[in-house]
Protein backbone atom coordinates (compact mmCIF):
# COMPACT_ATOMS: atom_id res chain seq x y z
CA MET A 1 -6.16 -18.41 1.87
CA PRO A 2 -4.28 -17.78 5.11
CA GLY A 3 -5.70 -15.43 7.73
CA PRO A 4 -4.37 -11.92 8.29
CA GLY A 5 -0.66 -11.84 8.90
CA ARG A 6 -0.28 -15.53 7.98
CA VAL A 7 1.90 -16.41 5.05
CA PRO A 8 1.70 -19.70 3.17
CA SER A 9 5.01 -21.50 3.43
CA SER A 10 7.03 -22.47 0.40
CA PRO A 11 10.61 -23.66 0.02
CA ALA A 12 13.43 -21.35 -1.07
CA ARG A 13 11.51 -18.08 -0.96
CA PRO A 14 13.49 -14.84 -1.34
CA PRO A 15 13.88 -13.04 2.01
CA TRP A 16 11.51 -10.19 1.12
CA THR A 17 8.55 -12.45 0.32
CA ARG A 18 7.52 -13.04 3.93
CA SER A 19 7.12 -9.37 4.84
CA PHE A 20 5.50 -8.60 1.49
CA SER A 21 3.05 -11.48 1.80
CA GLN A 22 2.16 -10.48 5.34
CA GLY A 23 1.53 -6.92 4.17
CA LEU A 24 -0.50 -8.01 1.15
CA TYR A 25 -2.65 -10.51 3.07
CA THR A 26 -3.19 -8.03 5.90
CA LEU A 27 -4.27 -5.31 3.46
CA LEU A 28 -6.48 -7.76 1.57
CA HIS A 29 -8.18 -8.90 4.80
CA PHE A 30 -8.59 -5.28 5.96
CA THR A 31 -10.11 -4.30 2.59
CA ARG A 32 -12.59 -7.18 2.64
CA THR A 33 -13.63 -6.29 6.19
CA TRP A 34 -14.03 -2.60 5.28
CA LEU A 35 -16.18 -3.46 2.26
CA ARG A 36 -18.65 -5.44 4.38
CA HIS A 37 -20.06 -2.20 5.80
CA ARG A 38 -23.09 -0.76 4.02
CA PRO A 39 -22.87 1.85 2.75
CA VAL A 40 -19.14 1.44 2.25
CA PRO A 41 -17.39 4.27 4.13
CA ARG A 42 -14.91 6.33 2.11
CA LEU A 43 -11.30 5.51 2.87
CA GLN A 44 -7.98 6.90 1.73
CA LEU A 45 -4.92 4.76 2.42
CA LEU A 46 -1.24 5.35 1.67
CA TRP A 47 1.09 2.35 1.58
CA VAL A 48 4.61 3.80 1.82
CA TRP A 49 7.97 2.11 1.40
CA PRO A 50 11.58 3.22 0.98
CA GLY A 51 13.19 2.43 -2.35
CA ASP A 52 11.95 2.07 -5.89
CA GLU A 53 9.88 -0.44 -7.86
CA VAL A 54 12.79 -1.42 -10.10
CA SER A 55 14.97 -2.76 -7.30
CA HIS A 56 11.95 -3.99 -5.27
CA PRO A 57 9.50 -5.64 -7.69
CA HIS A 58 7.26 -6.80 -4.84
CA HIS A 59 6.42 -3.13 -4.22
CA ALA A 60 5.24 -2.85 -7.82
CA ALA A 61 2.91 -5.77 -7.10
CA MET A 62 1.45 -3.94 -4.09
CA SER A 63 1.04 -0.85 -6.26
CA GLY A 64 -0.92 -2.98 -8.73
CA PHE A 65 -3.16 -4.23 -5.93
CA CYS A 66 -3.87 -0.64 -4.88
CA LYS A 67 -4.76 0.34 -8.45
CA THR A 68 -7.10 -2.63 -8.76
CA VAL A 69 -8.89 -1.71 -5.52
CA ASN A 70 -9.34 1.84 -6.80
CA ARG A 71 -10.93 0.64 -10.02
CA GLU A 72 -13.25 -1.86 -8.37
CA HIS A 73 -14.38 0.16 -5.34
CA ARG A 74 -15.17 3.84 -5.78
CA ALA A 75 -15.26 4.55 -2.04
CA LEU A 76 -11.64 3.47 -1.59
CA ARG A 77 -8.58 5.43 -2.65
CA TYR A 78 -5.44 3.38 -2.13
CA ARG A 79 -2.05 4.75 -3.11
CA ALA A 80 1.32 3.02 -3.07
CA VAL A 81 4.13 5.52 -2.68
CA SER A 82 7.85 4.90 -2.87
CA LEU A 83 10.28 7.23 -1.17
CA LEU A 84 13.77 7.23 -2.58
CA ASP A 85 16.62 6.92 -0.09
CA GLU A 86 17.59 10.59 -0.38
CA THR A 87 13.99 11.60 0.37
CA VAL A 88 13.78 9.37 3.44
CA ARG A 89 16.90 11.02 4.88
CA VAL A 90 15.17 14.43 4.89
CA PRO A 91 12.05 14.03 7.08
CA GLY A 92 10.53 17.39 6.10
CA THR A 93 10.74 16.51 2.42
CA ALA A 94 9.23 13.07 2.99
CA ALA A 95 6.39 14.59 5.01
CA GLU A 96 5.67 17.15 2.28
CA LEU A 97 5.57 14.48 -0.41
CA LEU A 98 3.28 12.23 1.62
CA LEU A 99 0.96 15.12 2.43
CA ALA A 100 0.76 15.98 -1.27
CA GLU A 101 -0.17 12.36 -2.01
CA ALA A 102 -2.80 12.31 0.73
CA LEU A 103 -4.58 15.52 -0.23
CA PRO A 104 -7.07 15.51 -3.10
CA ALA A 105 -5.80 17.10 -6.33
CA GLY A 106 -5.98 20.87 -6.25
CA ARG A 107 -5.89 21.18 -2.44
CA SER A 108 -2.99 22.21 -0.29
CA GLY A 109 -2.48 21.93 3.43
């Protein structure tokens, strides 16, 4: 497996695969490093992107990785959040949505 930020090369890759692979490998390396600590410190992480999973299937893959981490490691809470274009254009709305995702259920800022 390549080191953090290193992407294995392959011919005729779609243009989005490089940035996705770099993000995935970086998050994977970070997660492995975090899990080496004993006891494992609690961590909440939001991975945010503009767009939706239908038009960007690689984001759905990252969302799946986050769900897998959550199931396998109780101390970690990873969330993948998509912001639709109209939400990104209104910074206050985007901030409110991200804050709602970051706070535990039942809490408000």
